[in-house]
């Protein structure tokens, strides 16, 4: 089952494939992150943030992304999904950062930037 992930403007940025190792894919077919319980790890092993109650938070506790259920704006149309590219092996998970208090304000980091920081070159 796939779930679209939106930024704070309602723009679809990526999608989460729950049945494919909980992988988060960009629309161009790149696997950039994955969920392990409520933690988001980059494919490069970096701890990127948290996924709590259908909201994505960065490591500072600011809101970065949403599902269709929680997005605060009108949802924009999803782009065409490219074929999924070959997934690299997941890198060793680096240390988990301490969870900060969750905030209702939006992060200065965009959802796209957050997810791209987890990609493997």
N, C-alpha and C. Protein backbone atom coordinates (compact mmCIF):
# COMPACT_ATOMS: atom_id res chain seq x y z
N UNK A 1 0.83 -1.17 0.00
CA UNK A 1 0.00 0.00 0.00
C UNK A 1 0.89 1.25 0.00
N UNK A 2 0.56 2.21 -0.84
CA UNK A 2 1.35 3.43 -0.96
C UNK A 2 0.60 4.63 -0.40
N UNK A 3 1.36 5.54 0.20
CA UNK A 3 0.80 6.75 0.81
C UNK A 3 1.63 7.94 0.31
N UNK A 4 0.96 8.93 -0.23
CA UNK A 4 1.65 10.14 -0.70
C UNK A 4 2.03 11.01 0.48
N UNK A 5 3.21 11.62 0.38
CA UNK A 5 3.71 12.53 1.41
C UNK A 5 3.76 13.94 0.84
N UNK A 6 3.17 14.89 1.55
CA UNK A 6 3.01 16.26 1.08
C UNK A 6 3.82 17.22 1.94
N UNK A 7 4.22 18.35 1.33
CA UNK A 7 4.84 19.41 2.12
C UNK A 7 3.76 20.30 2.72
N UNK A 8 4.14 21.37 3.39
CA UNK A 8 3.17 22.23 4.08
C UNK A 8 2.27 23.03 3.14
N UNK A 9 2.60 23.05 1.84
CA UNK A 9 1.75 23.75 0.87
C UNK A 9 0.75 22.83 0.19
N UNK A 10 0.82 21.53 0.48
CA UNK A 10 -0.05 20.55 -0.16
C UNK A 10 0.54 19.94 -1.41
N UNK A 11 1.80 20.25 -1.69
CA UNK A 11 2.48 19.69 -2.87
C UNK A 11 2.97 18.28 -2.56
N UNK A 12 2.65 17.31 -3.44
CA UNK A 12 3.16 15.95 -3.23
C UNK A 12 4.66 15.89 -3.53
N UNK A 13 5.43 15.43 -2.57
CA UNK A 13 6.88 15.42 -2.69
C UNK A 13 7.43 14.01 -2.91
N UNK A 14 6.82 13.03 -2.28
CA UNK A 14 7.32 11.65 -2.32
C UNK A 14 6.16 10.73 -1.98
N UNK A 15 6.45 9.44 -1.99
CA UNK A 15 5.44 8.49 -1.52
C UNK A 15 6.11 7.38 -0.73
N UNK A 16 5.35 6.85 0.19
CA UNK A 16 5.81 5.82 1.12
C UNK A 16 5.15 4.52 0.72
N UNK A 17 5.96 3.51 0.42
CA UNK A 17 5.45 2.19 0.07
C UNK A 17 5.57 1.29 1.29
N UNK A 18 4.46 1.11 1.97
CA UNK A 18 4.44 0.35 3.22
C UNK A 18 4.80 -1.12 3.01
N UNK A 19 4.51 -1.64 1.81
CA UNK A 19 4.74 -3.06 1.54
C UNK A 19 6.13 -3.34 0.98
N UNK A 20 6.92 -2.32 0.73
CA UNK A 20 8.25 -2.48 0.16
C UNK A 20 9.29 -1.97 1.16
N UNK A 21 9.43 -2.67 2.27
CA UNK A 21 10.38 -2.33 3.32
C UNK A 21 10.14 -0.93 3.89
N UNK A 22 8.89 -0.47 3.82
CA UNK A 22 8.53 0.87 4.31
C UNK A 22 9.40 1.95 3.67
N UNK A 23 9.70 1.78 2.39
CA UNK A 23 10.57 2.67 1.65
C UNK A 23 9.85 3.96 1.25
N UNK A 24 10.57 5.07 1.33
CA UNK A 24 10.07 6.36 0.83
C UNK A 24 10.77 6.62 -0.49
N UNK A 25 9.96 6.82 -1.53
CA UNK A 25 10.44 7.01 -2.90
C UNK A 25 10.16 8.43 -3.37
N UNK A 26 11.09 9.00 -4.11
CA UNK A 26 10.84 10.27 -4.79
C UNK A 26 10.09 9.94 -6.08
N UNK A 27 9.43 10.92 -6.67
CA UNK A 27 8.64 10.68 -7.88
C UNK A 27 9.49 10.22 -9.05
N UNK A 28 10.80 10.52 -9.05
CA UNK A 28 11.66 10.10 -10.15
C UNK A 28 12.13 8.65 -10.00
N UNK A 29 11.65 7.94 -8.96
CA UNK A 29 11.96 6.52 -8.81
C UNK A 29 13.11 6.20 -7.89
N UNK A 30 13.66 7.20 -7.20
CA UNK A 30 14.78 6.96 -6.28
C UNK A 30 14.28 6.67 -4.87
N UNK A 31 14.85 5.62 -4.27
CA UNK A 31 14.59 5.32 -2.86
C UNK A 31 15.52 6.20 -2.04
N UNK A 32 14.94 7.04 -1.16
CA UNK A 32 15.78 7.97 -0.40
C UNK A 32 15.74 7.74 1.11
N UNK A 33 14.68 7.10 1.59
CA UNK A 33 14.53 6.92 3.03
C UNK A 33 13.62 5.73 3.31
N UNK A 34 13.52 5.38 4.58
CA UNK A 34 12.60 4.33 4.99
C UNK A 34 12.19 4.56 6.43
N UNK A 35 11.08 3.95 6.77
CA UNK A 35 10.57 4.05 8.14
C UNK A 35 10.89 2.78 8.90
N UNK A 36 11.31 2.96 10.12
CA UNK A 36 11.48 1.84 11.05
C UNK A 36 10.76 2.27 12.31
N UNK A 37 9.59 1.67 12.54
CA UNK A 37 8.68 2.10 13.58
C UNK A 37 8.29 3.54 13.30
N UNK A 38 8.60 4.48 14.19
CA UNK A 38 8.23 5.88 13.95
C UNK A 38 9.45 6.74 13.61
N UNK A 39 10.55 6.11 13.23
CA UNK A 39 11.79 6.82 12.91
C UNK A 39 12.02 6.78 11.40
N UNK A 40 12.45 7.91 10.84
CA UNK A 40 12.79 7.97 9.42
C UNK A 40 14.31 7.96 9.30
N UNK A 41 14.81 6.97 8.57
CA UNK A 41 16.24 6.87 8.28
C UNK A 41 16.44 7.09 6.79
N UNK A 42 17.52 7.78 6.45
CA UNK A 42 17.91 7.90 5.05
C UNK A 42 18.49 6.58 4.59
N UNK A 43 18.47 6.37 3.30
CA UNK A 43 19.07 5.16 2.74
C UNK A 43 20.56 5.15 3.06
N UNK A 44 21.12 6.33 3.37
CA UNK A 44 22.53 6.44 3.72
C UNK A 44 22.79 6.15 5.20
N UNK A 45 21.74 5.80 5.96
CA UNK A 45 21.89 5.44 7.36
C UNK A 45 21.66 6.58 8.33
N UNK A 46 21.51 7.81 7.83
CA UNK A 46 21.31 8.97 8.71
C UNK A 46 19.90 9.00 9.29
N UNK A 47 19.79 9.40 10.54
CA UNK A 47 18.49 9.61 11.16
C UNK A 47 17.98 10.96 10.65
N UNK A 48 16.85 10.95 9.91
CA UNK A 48 16.33 12.17 9.30
C UNK A 48 15.23 12.82 10.12
N UNK A 49 14.46 12.03 10.83
CA UNK A 49 13.35 12.61 11.58
C UNK A 49 12.43 11.55 12.13
N UNK A 50 11.19 11.98 12.39
CA UNK A 50 10.19 11.15 13.03
C UNK A 50 8.90 11.18 12.22
N UNK A 51 8.14 10.09 12.27
CA UNK A 51 6.84 10.01 11.62
C UNK A 51 5.83 9.65 12.72
N UNK A 52 5.13 10.65 13.21
CA UNK A 52 4.23 10.46 14.34
C UNK A 52 2.86 11.00 13.99
N UNK A 53 1.84 10.15 14.15
CA UNK A 53 0.45 10.53 13.87
C UNK A 53 0.28 11.13 12.48
N UNK A 54 0.93 10.52 11.49
CA UNK A 54 0.84 10.92 10.08
C UNK A 54 1.42 12.30 9.80
N UNK A 55 2.35 12.74 10.63
CA UNK A 55 3.09 13.98 10.41
C UNK A 55 4.58 13.64 10.47
N UNK A 56 5.35 14.21 9.53
CA UNK A 56 6.80 14.03 9.52
C UNK A 56 7.42 15.23 10.23
N UNK A 57 8.28 14.93 11.21
CA UNK A 57 9.00 15.96 11.96
C UNK A 57 10.49 15.82 11.68
N UNK A 58 11.19 16.96 11.61
CA UNK A 58 12.64 16.89 11.49
C UNK A 58 13.23 16.57 12.87
N UNK A 59 14.53 16.46 12.95
CA UNK A 59 15.17 16.08 14.21
C UNK A 59 15.10 17.17 15.28
N UNK A 60 14.68 18.37 14.88
CA UNK A 60 14.49 19.46 15.84
C UNK A 60 13.06 19.52 16.36
N UNK A 61 12.18 18.67 15.82
CA UNK A 61 10.79 18.62 16.27
C UNK A 61 9.82 19.47 15.46
N UNK A 62 10.30 20.10 14.37
CA UNK A 62 9.43 20.92 13.52
C UNK A 62 8.76 20.07 12.46
N UNK A 63 7.56 20.45 12.08
CA UNK A 63 6.81 19.73 11.05
C UNK A 63 7.42 19.96 9.68
N UNK A 64 7.54 18.86 8.92
CA UNK A 64 8.14 18.93 7.59
C UNK A 64 7.21 18.36 6.53
N UNK A 65 6.44 17.34 6.86
CA UNK A 65 5.60 16.68 5.86
C UNK A 65 4.36 16.06 6.47
N UNK A 66 3.46 15.66 5.57
CA UNK A 66 2.15 15.20 6.00
C UNK A 66 1.62 14.14 5.05
N UNK A 67 0.67 13.37 5.54
CA UNK A 67 -0.12 12.50 4.67
C UNK A 67 -1.36 13.28 4.26
N UNK A 68 -2.19 12.69 3.44
CA UNK A 68 -3.41 13.38 3.00
C UNK A 68 -4.34 13.66 4.17
N UNK A 69 -4.26 12.85 5.21
CA UNK A 69 -5.13 13.03 6.39
C UNK A 69 -4.74 14.24 7.24
N UNK A 70 -3.46 14.61 7.24
CA UNK A 70 -2.99 15.63 8.16
C UNK A 70 -2.51 16.92 7.50
N UNK A 71 -2.43 16.95 6.18
CA UNK A 71 -1.91 18.13 5.48
C UNK A 71 -2.80 19.34 5.76
N UNK A 72 -2.19 20.47 6.14
CA UNK A 72 -2.97 21.65 6.50
C UNK A 72 -3.50 22.45 5.30
N UNK A 73 -3.13 22.10 4.10
CA UNK A 73 -3.55 22.83 2.90
C UNK A 73 -4.28 21.91 1.93
N UNK A 74 -4.91 22.53 0.94
CA UNK A 74 -5.56 21.78 -0.14
C UNK A 74 -4.49 20.98 -0.88
N UNK A 75 -4.78 19.71 -1.15
CA UNK A 75 -3.80 18.83 -1.80
C UNK A 75 -3.73 19.09 -3.29
N UNK A 76 -2.51 19.17 -3.81
CA UNK A 76 -2.29 19.34 -5.24
C UNK A 76 -2.19 17.96 -5.89
N UNK A 77 -2.34 17.93 -7.21
CA UNK A 77 -2.31 16.66 -7.93
C UNK A 77 -0.93 16.02 -7.88
N UNK A 78 -0.94 14.70 -7.81
CA UNK A 78 0.31 13.94 -7.81
C UNK A 78 0.89 13.87 -9.21
N UNK A 79 2.23 13.98 -9.31
CA UNK A 79 2.86 13.80 -10.63
C UNK A 79 2.90 12.32 -11.01
N UNK A 80 3.30 12.06 -12.22
CA UNK A 80 3.46 10.69 -12.70
C UNK A 80 4.61 10.02 -11.95
N UNK A 81 4.40 8.79 -11.52
CA UNK A 81 5.45 8.03 -10.84
C UNK A 81 6.33 7.36 -11.88
N UNK A 82 7.62 7.60 -11.79
CA UNK A 82 8.57 6.89 -12.64
C UNK A 82 8.74 5.47 -12.10
N UNK A 83 9.31 4.62 -12.92
CA UNK A 83 9.60 3.27 -12.45
C UNK A 83 10.58 3.34 -11.29
N UNK A 84 10.39 2.46 -10.33
CA UNK A 84 11.29 2.42 -9.19
C UNK A 84 12.65 1.93 -9.65
N UNK A 85 13.67 2.67 -9.27
CA UNK A 85 15.04 2.30 -9.61
C UNK A 85 15.55 1.25 -8.63
N UNK A 86 16.68 0.69 -8.96
CA UNK A 86 17.35 -0.27 -8.09
C UNK A 86 17.65 0.39 -6.75
N UNK A 87 17.31 -0.29 -5.67
CA UNK A 87 17.61 0.22 -4.34
C UNK A 87 19.01 -0.21 -3.93
N UNK A 88 19.79 0.73 -3.44
CA UNK A 88 21.09 0.41 -2.86
C UNK A 88 20.85 -0.35 -1.56
N UNK A 89 21.87 -1.00 -1.07
CA UNK A 89 21.76 -1.62 0.23
C UNK A 89 21.65 -0.53 1.28
N UNK A 90 20.84 -0.78 2.29
CA UNK A 90 20.71 0.18 3.38
C UNK A 90 22.05 0.24 4.12
N UNK A 91 22.49 1.44 4.36
CA UNK A 91 23.71 1.63 5.13
C UNK A 91 23.41 1.44 6.61
N UNK A 92 24.45 1.20 7.37
CA UNK A 92 24.33 1.01 8.81
C UNK A 92 23.64 2.22 9.42
N UNK A 93 22.64 1.99 10.26
CA UNK A 93 21.92 3.09 10.90
C UNK A 93 22.81 3.77 11.92
N UNK A 94 22.98 5.06 11.72
CA UNK A 94 23.77 5.85 12.65
C UNK A 94 22.95 6.11 13.90
N UNK A 95 23.55 6.73 14.86
CA UNK A 95 22.88 6.92 16.14
C UNK A 95 21.56 7.67 15.99
N UNK A 96 20.65 7.33 16.85
CA UNK A 96 19.34 7.95 16.89
C UNK A 96 19.42 9.21 17.73
N UNK A 97 19.02 10.32 17.15
CA UNK A 97 19.05 11.59 17.89
C UNK A 97 17.90 11.61 18.89
N UNK A 98 18.10 12.29 19.98
CA UNK A 98 17.06 12.40 21.00
C UNK A 98 15.86 13.13 20.44
N UNK A 99 14.68 12.66 20.77
CA UNK A 99 13.47 13.32 20.28
C UNK A 99 13.27 14.62 21.03
N UNK A 100 13.09 15.67 20.27
CA UNK A 100 12.80 16.98 20.83
C UNK A 100 11.30 17.09 21.03
N UNK A 101 10.86 18.10 21.73
CA UNK A 101 9.42 18.31 21.87
C UNK A 101 8.87 18.64 20.48
N UNK A 102 7.74 18.05 20.16
CA UNK A 102 7.14 18.24 18.84
C UNK A 102 6.45 19.59 18.79
N UNK A 103 6.67 20.29 17.69
CA UNK A 103 6.15 21.64 17.54
C UNK A 103 5.04 21.67 16.49
N UNK A 104 4.22 22.69 16.57
CA UNK A 104 3.15 22.85 15.58
C UNK A 104 3.59 23.73 14.42
N UNK A 105 4.78 24.33 14.51
CA UNK A 105 5.26 25.18 13.43
C UNK A 105 6.04 24.37 12.40
N UNK A 106 6.16 24.96 11.21
CA UNK A 106 6.79 24.30 10.07
C UNK A 106 8.30 24.56 10.10
N UNK A 107 9.06 23.55 9.73
CA UNK A 107 10.51 23.62 9.68
C UNK A 107 10.98 24.55 8.54
N UNK A 108 12.17 25.08 8.69
CA UNK A 108 12.80 25.83 7.61
C UNK A 108 13.34 24.89 6.54
N UNK A 109 13.51 23.64 6.88
CA UNK A 109 13.94 22.61 5.93
C UNK A 109 12.72 22.07 5.22
N UNK A 110 12.76 22.00 3.90
CA UNK A 110 11.62 21.47 3.16
C UNK A 110 11.62 19.94 3.23
N UNK A 111 10.47 19.36 2.96
CA UNK A 111 10.36 17.89 2.94
C UNK A 111 11.29 17.32 1.89
N UNK A 112 11.37 17.97 0.75
CA UNK A 112 12.26 17.51 -0.32
C UNK A 112 13.72 17.50 0.14
N UNK A 113 14.16 18.58 0.78
CA UNK A 113 15.54 18.66 1.28
C UNK A 113 15.81 17.59 2.32
N UNK A 114 14.86 17.40 3.22
CA UNK A 114 15.02 16.40 4.28
C UNK A 114 15.20 15.01 3.67
N UNK A 115 14.32 14.64 2.75
CA UNK A 115 14.39 13.30 2.16
C UNK A 115 15.62 13.14 1.28
N UNK A 116 15.95 14.17 0.51
CA UNK A 116 17.13 14.10 -0.37
C UNK A 116 18.41 13.91 0.44
N UNK A 117 18.44 14.41 1.68
CA UNK A 117 19.63 14.27 2.51
C UNK A 117 19.86 12.82 2.90
N UNK A 118 18.90 11.95 2.66
CA UNK A 118 19.05 10.54 2.97
C UNK A 118 19.41 9.67 1.78
N UNK A 119 19.56 10.29 0.61
CA UNK A 119 19.84 9.49 -0.59
C UNK A 119 21.29 9.05 -0.63
N UNK A 120 21.52 8.01 -1.40
CA UNK A 120 22.85 7.47 -1.61
C UNK A 120 23.27 7.81 -3.02
N UNK A 121 24.44 8.38 -3.18
CA UNK A 121 24.92 8.78 -4.52
C UNK A 121 25.37 7.58 -5.32
